[in-house]
Amino acid sequence: MSWKFAVSTLGIPSAPIDEAIAVAVDGGCEGLELRVHADEVLHLDIRDDDAVDIGRRVRASGLAVATLVGYVRVCSPDDDAEVLVELRRLIRLAELVGAENIRVFPGGGTDPSAPRDAAETEELRIAQRDRARRRISAVLDDLRAAGVRLLVETHDSHPTGAATVELVEGLADTSLVGILWDGLHPWRSGEGPATTRAVLGDHCVGFQIKDAVARDGRWVPVAPGAGEMPVEELAEVLQGWSGWVSFEWERAWHPQIEPLAEALPAAAEWVRRR
């Protein structure tokens, strides 16, 4: 088994890159997941030289850029051309920074609670699947040329492993396309860890460790081991698996939770105990 430990800059929103590097190094991480957003130092409109410099500074600290955390939605009902422009910009940015992976969302753009009959549900599932496969297929050569892998996260319209694997199955080998298993979303959607692990199979090339408690109808992050998620079972089913394990501390969305540096040791301990 070979787990590589990274931390996401989602936990320190808008922080300078040197602060993010210091938190990761002090926390015993081997890599950084860099959020790509207009509010962050790394964004799609950054100058090429500045992007290259960020990658150099990360590597000079002994860290790898594990993943660029992007917000492209591959199942979006938007026009293909619009989605592909953003996707290619993210791939180009990853090449400049020297990132191993880019993260994208399914982003089907639907309300999962909206009433639909079986035929409508199946029609929507096929449409979303076809959009994702068409768009990912269109950038395979870009990924190959840039030396970057695309990861679709278990999230939003496709929160389970069973749903997400449909979007990438048969497209390319896992050196180009894979799945980032967000530990929360399959479980909260009723898919147990063992089932998620089984249905993802070799498509699972990244894992995000997190924990949460239900408060006022939403899931609020807590340090691993302090919440309701089956973090020990998740560790068990990941035995024998290799890849990046990233701690995603969602302080950008939950500013009331403690600073990343205070929660990171619990995640590091979870990784070290395996």
Protein backbone atom coordinates (compact mmCIF):
# COMPACT_ATOMS: atom_id res chain seq x y z
CA MET A 1 0.00 0.00 0.00
CA SER A 2 1.23 3.47 -0.83
CA TRP A 3 -0.75 6.48 0.31
CA LYS A 4 0.54 9.96 -0.40
CA PHE A 5 -0.87 12.62 1.92
CA ALA A 6 -2.00 16.02 0.61
CA VAL A 7 -4.09 18.88 1.91
CA SER A 8 -6.46 21.16 -0.01
CA THR A 9 -6.18 24.94 0.05
CA LEU A 10 -9.98 25.01 0.37
CA GLY A 11 -9.16 24.96 4.09
CA ILE A 12 -7.29 28.27 3.98
CA PRO A 13 -9.31 30.39 1.55
CA SER A 14 -7.49 33.28 -0.13
CA ALA A 15 -4.23 32.51 1.69
CA PRO A 16 -0.89 33.40 0.02
CA ILE A 17 0.86 30.40 -1.50
CA ASP A 18 3.67 30.55 1.06
CA GLU A 19 1.16 30.20 3.89
CA ALA A 20 -0.44 27.19 2.20
CA ILE A 21 2.99 25.62 1.72
CA ALA A 22 3.90 26.20 5.37
CA VAL A 23 0.69 24.59 6.63
CA ALA A 24 1.22 21.55 4.42
CA VAL A 25 4.86 21.10 5.37
CA ASP A 26 4.18 21.59 9.08
CA GLY A 27 1.33 19.09 8.83
CA GLY A 28 3.54 16.36 7.41
CA CYS A 29 1.99 16.44 3.94
CA GLU A 30 3.65 15.35 0.74
CA GLY A 31 1.48 17.41 -1.57
CA LEU A 32 -1.00 20.24 -2.05
CA GLU A 33 -4.37 20.37 -3.74
CA LEU A 34 -4.57 23.91 -5.10
CA ARG A 35 -8.02 25.43 -5.45
CA VAL A 36 -8.50 27.25 -8.78
CA HIS A 37 -10.89 30.10 -8.13
CA ALA A 38 -11.20 33.86 -8.67
CA ASP A 39 -10.80 34.37 -4.90
CA GLU A 40 -7.49 32.46 -4.78
CA VAL A 41 -3.91 33.16 -5.81
CA LEU A 42 -4.34 30.52 -8.52
CA HIS A 43 -7.13 31.22 -11.00
CA LEU A 44 -7.84 30.72 -14.68
CA ASP A 45 -6.83 34.28 -15.61
CA ILE A 46 -3.43 34.16 -13.91
CA ARG A 47 -0.39 35.08 -16.01
CA ASP A 48 1.62 32.11 -17.26
CA ASP A 49 4.78 33.26 -15.47
CA ASP A 50 2.94 33.57 -12.17
CA ALA A 51 1.44 30.10 -12.52
CA VAL A 52 4.85 28.62 -13.26
CA ASP A 53 6.28 30.42 -10.23
CA ILE A 54 3.62 28.95 -7.93
CA GLY A 55 4.50 25.46 -9.09
CA ARG A 56 8.21 26.09 -8.58
CA ARG A 57 7.67 27.38 -5.06
CA VAL A 58 5.58 24.36 -4.12
CA ARG A 59 8.17 21.92 -5.46
CA ALA A 60 11.05 23.84 -3.85
CA SER A 61 9.43 23.15 -0.48
CA GLY A 62 9.53 19.42 -1.15
CA LEU A 63 5.83 19.16 -1.94
CA ALA A 64 4.09 17.99 -5.09
CA VAL A 65 1.10 19.69 -6.67
CA ALA A 66 -1.22 16.72 -6.39
CA THR A 67 -4.32 18.24 -7.95
CA LEU A 68 -5.75 21.48 -9.26
CA VAL A 69 -9.21 21.75 -7.77
CA GLY A 70 -11.28 23.14 -10.61
CA TYR A 71 -14.98 23.83 -11.03
CA VAL A 72 -15.66 22.58 -14.55
CA ARG A 73 -18.95 20.64 -14.68
CA VAL A 74 -18.69 17.89 -17.27
CA CYS A 75 -22.41 16.97 -17.18
CA SER A 76 -23.57 20.58 -17.32
CA PRO A 77 -26.45 21.39 -19.70
CA ASP A 78 -24.37 24.32 -20.97
CA ASP A 79 -23.05 24.28 -24.53
CA ASP A 80 -20.17 21.90 -25.18
CA ALA A 81 -18.01 24.71 -26.52
CA GLU A 82 -18.31 26.69 -23.28
CA VAL A 83 -17.47 23.69 -21.11
CA LEU A 84 -14.54 22.65 -23.30
CA VAL A 85 -12.98 26.11 -23.25
CA GLU A 86 -12.94 26.10 -19.46
CA LEU A 87 -11.72 22.51 -19.33
CA ARG A 88 -8.83 23.17 -21.70
CA ARG A 89 -7.86 26.28 -19.73
CA LEU A 90 -7.71 24.16 -16.57
CA ILE A 91 -5.55 21.54 -18.31
CA ARG A 92 -3.22 24.25 -19.56
CA LEU A 93 -2.96 25.72 -16.06
CA ALA A 94 -2.13 22.31 -14.63
CA GLU A 95 0.66 21.93 -17.17
CA LEU A 96 2.10 25.33 -16.20
CA VAL A 97 1.96 24.62 -12.48
CA GLY A 98 3.16 21.04 -12.85
CA ALA A 99 0.08 19.43 -11.30
CA GLU A 100 -0.49 15.72 -11.61
CA ASN A 101 -4.29 15.92 -11.76
CA ILE A 102 -7.23 18.23 -12.32
CA ARG A 103 -10.49 17.84 -10.40
CA VAL A 104 -13.83 18.40 -12.14
CA PHE A 105 -17.43 18.05 -10.96
CA PRO A 106 -20.27 16.14 -12.63
CA GLY A 107 -22.52 19.21 -12.24
CA GLY A 108 -25.60 17.84 -13.94
CA GLY A 109 -27.52 20.99 -13.14
CA THR A 110 -30.62 19.24 -11.82
CA ASP A 111 -32.59 19.23 -8.61
CA PRO A 112 -32.33 15.62 -7.34
CA SER A 113 -35.52 16.09 -5.29
CA ALA A 114 -37.61 17.13 -8.28
CA PRO A 115 -40.34 14.56 -9.06
CA ARG A 116 -39.76 12.53 -12.23
CA ASP A 117 -41.15 9.31 -13.56
CA ALA A 118 -38.86 6.39 -14.42
CA ALA A 119 -38.63 7.28 -18.10
CA GLU A 120 -37.67 10.90 -17.36
CA THR A 121 -35.06 9.79 -14.82
CA GLU A 122 -33.48 7.37 -17.28
CA GLU A 123 -33.49 9.94 -20.07
CA LEU A 124 -31.74 12.46 -17.82
CA ARG A 125 -29.16 9.89 -16.68
CA ILE A 126 -28.27 9.02 -20.26
CA ALA A 127 -28.06 12.67 -21.32
CA GLN A 128 -25.73 13.53 -18.45
CA ARG A 129 -23.57 10.46 -19.09
CA ASP A 130 -23.29 11.23 -22.79
CA ARG A 131 -22.36 14.88 -22.17
CA ALA A 132 -19.59 13.88 -19.78
CA ARG A 133 -18.15 11.18 -22.01
CA ARG A 134 -18.28 13.41 -25.09
CA ARG A 135 -16.50 16.28 -23.37
CA ILE A 136 -13.87 14.16 -21.63
CA SER A 137 -13.18 12.30 -24.88
CA ALA A 138 -12.65 15.64 -26.62
CA VAL A 139 -9.75 16.56 -24.31
CA LEU A 140 -7.95 13.22 -24.08
CA ASP A 141 -5.24 14.40 -26.45
CA ASP A 142 -4.88 17.62 -24.42
CA LEU A 143 -4.47 15.61 -21.22
CA ARG A 144 -1.96 13.29 -22.82
CA ALA A 145 0.12 16.16 -24.23
CA ALA A 146 0.10 18.02 -20.90
CA GLY A 147 0.89 14.95 -18.81
CA VAL A 148 -2.19 15.59 -16.67
CA ARG A 149 -4.95 13.27 -15.45
CA LEU A 150 -8.61 14.27 -15.14
CA LEU A 151 -10.49 13.22 -12.01
CA VAL A 152 -14.27 13.36 -11.75
CA GLU A 153 -15.32 13.78 -8.11
CA THR A 154 -18.19 11.87 -6.51
CA HIS A 155 -20.30 14.98 -6.01
CA ASP A 156 -23.53 16.95 -6.70
CA SER A 157 -25.65 15.24 -9.40
CA HIS A 158 -23.50 12.07 -9.19
CA PRO A 159 -22.65 11.64 -5.49
CA THR A 160 -22.19 7.85 -5.47
CA GLY A 161 -19.51 5.66 -6.92
CA ALA A 162 -22.08 3.79 -9.01
CA ALA A 163 -23.30 7.02 -10.59
CA THR A 164 -19.88 8.55 -11.16
CA VAL A 165 -18.23 5.51 -12.69
CA GLU A 166 -20.71 5.66 -15.58
CA LEU A 167 -19.21 8.98 -16.63
CA VAL A 168 -15.69 7.64 -17.20
CA GLU A 169 -16.03 3.92 -17.85
CA GLY A 170 -14.39 2.84 -21.09
CA LEU A 171 -12.99 6.27 -21.99
CA ALA A 172 -9.27 5.84 -21.30
CA ASP A 173 -6.92 4.14 -18.89
CA THR A 174 -6.50 5.58 -15.41
CA SER A 175 -3.30 7.39 -16.35
CA LEU A 176 -5.57 9.90 -18.13
CA VAL A 177 -9.02 9.68 -16.52
CA GLY A 178 -10.12 8.54 -13.09
CA ILE A 179 -12.38 9.25 -10.14
CA LEU A 180 -11.74 11.25 -6.99
CA TRP A 181 -13.67 9.59 -4.18
CA ASP A 182 -14.97 12.23 -1.80
CA GLY A 183 -15.48 10.21 1.38
CA LEU A 184 -18.64 12.07 2.40
CA HIS A 185 -20.95 12.11 -0.59
CA PRO A 186 -21.40 8.40 -1.42
CA TRP A 187 -21.95 7.57 2.25
CA ARG A 188 -24.47 10.38 2.85
CA SER A 189 -26.30 9.16 -0.27
CA GLY A 190 -26.70 5.65 1.14
CA GLU A 191 -23.77 3.91 -0.58
CA GLY A 192 -21.56 2.17 1.99
CA PRO A 193 -17.74 2.35 1.78
CA ALA A 194 -17.35 -1.28 0.70
CA THR A 195 -19.83 -0.80 -2.12
CA THR A 196 -18.18 2.42 -3.28
CA ARG A 197 -14.76 0.78 -3.29
CA ALA A 198 -16.07 -2.18 -5.27
CA VAL A 199 -17.91 -0.21 -7.94
CA LEU A 200 -15.05 2.26 -8.46
CA GLY A 201 -12.40 -0.46 -8.80
CA ASP A 202 -9.31 0.77 -10.63
CA HIS A 203 -11.07 4.01 -11.54
CA CYS A 204 -10.46 5.24 -7.98
CA VAL A 205 -7.17 7.13 -8.18
CA GLY A 206 -7.72 9.71 -5.43
CA PHE A 207 -9.48 9.86 -2.07
CA GLN A 208 -10.56 12.78 0.12
CA ILE A 209 -10.65 12.06 3.84
CA LYS A 210 -13.12 14.10 5.85
CA ASP A 211 -15.63 13.78 8.65
CA ALA A 212 -18.83 15.65 9.41
CA VAL A 213 -21.84 16.00 11.69
CA ALA A 214 -25.41 16.79 10.69
CA ARG A 215 -26.54 20.20 11.96
CA ASP A 216 -29.68 22.08 10.93
CA GLY A 217 -30.09 20.06 7.78
CA ARG A 218 -26.52 20.30 6.49
CA TRP A 219 -23.27 18.45 6.98
CA VAL A 220 -20.70 20.46 8.93
CA PRO A 221 -17.01 19.44 8.82
CA VAL A 222 -15.27 18.15 11.93
CA ALA A 223 -11.82 16.63 12.36
CA PRO A 224 -11.56 12.99 11.21
CA GLY A 225 -12.79 10.70 13.98
CA ALA A 226 -14.96 13.34 15.65
CA GLY A 227 -18.03 13.03 13.46
CA GLU A 228 -20.62 10.61 12.12
CA MET A 229 -18.77 9.27 9.09
CA PRO A 230 -17.41 5.68 9.15
CA VAL A 231 -13.78 6.78 8.89
CA GLU A 232 -12.43 3.48 10.24
CA GLU A 233 -14.44 1.49 7.69
CA LEU A 234 -13.20 3.80 4.95
CA ALA A 235 -9.63 3.06 6.02
CA GLU A 236 -10.30 -0.67 5.97
CA VAL A 237 -11.72 -0.77 2.46
CA LEU A 238 -8.80 1.31 1.16
CA GLN A 239 -6.22 -1.18 2.39
CA GLY A 240 -4.06 -2.26 -0.55
CA TRP A 241 -4.99 0.79 -2.60
CA SER A 242 -2.40 3.36 -3.72
CA GLY A 243 -2.85 7.04 -4.50
CA TRP A 244 -3.25 10.54 -3.12
CA VAL A 245 -5.22 10.87 0.10
CA SER A 246 -6.18 14.50 0.53
CA PHE A 247 -7.65 16.25 3.53
CA GLU A 248 -10.37 18.61 2.31
CA TRP A 249 -11.27 20.98 5.15
CA GLU A 250 -14.15 23.06 3.80
CA ARG A 251 -13.49 26.31 5.65
CA ALA A 252 -14.26 28.30 2.52
CA TRP A 253 -17.88 27.16 2.91
CA HIS A 254 -17.94 26.88 6.72
CA PRO A 255 -15.94 29.85 8.06
CA GLN A 256 -17.01 29.12 11.63
CA ILE A 257 -14.98 25.90 11.88
CA GLU A 258 -11.49 25.90 13.39
CA PRO A 259 -8.43 26.81 11.30
CA LEU A 260 -7.01 24.14 9.03
CA ALA A 261 -3.80 23.86 11.06
CA GLU A 262 -5.84 22.74 14.08
CA ALA A 263 -7.76 20.02 12.21
CA LEU A 264 -4.90 18.75 10.04
CA PRO A 265 -3.16 16.65 12.74
CA ALA A 266 -6.21 14.37 13.06
CA ALA A 267 -6.16 13.73 9.32
CA ALA A 268 -2.43 13.09 9.39
CA GLU A 269 -2.89 10.61 12.23
CA TRP A 270 -5.64 8.83 10.29
CA VAL A 271 -3.25 8.40 7.38
CA ARG A 272 -0.26 7.35 9.52
CA ARG A 273 -2.20 4.66 11.39
CA ARG A 274 -2.94 2.70 8.23
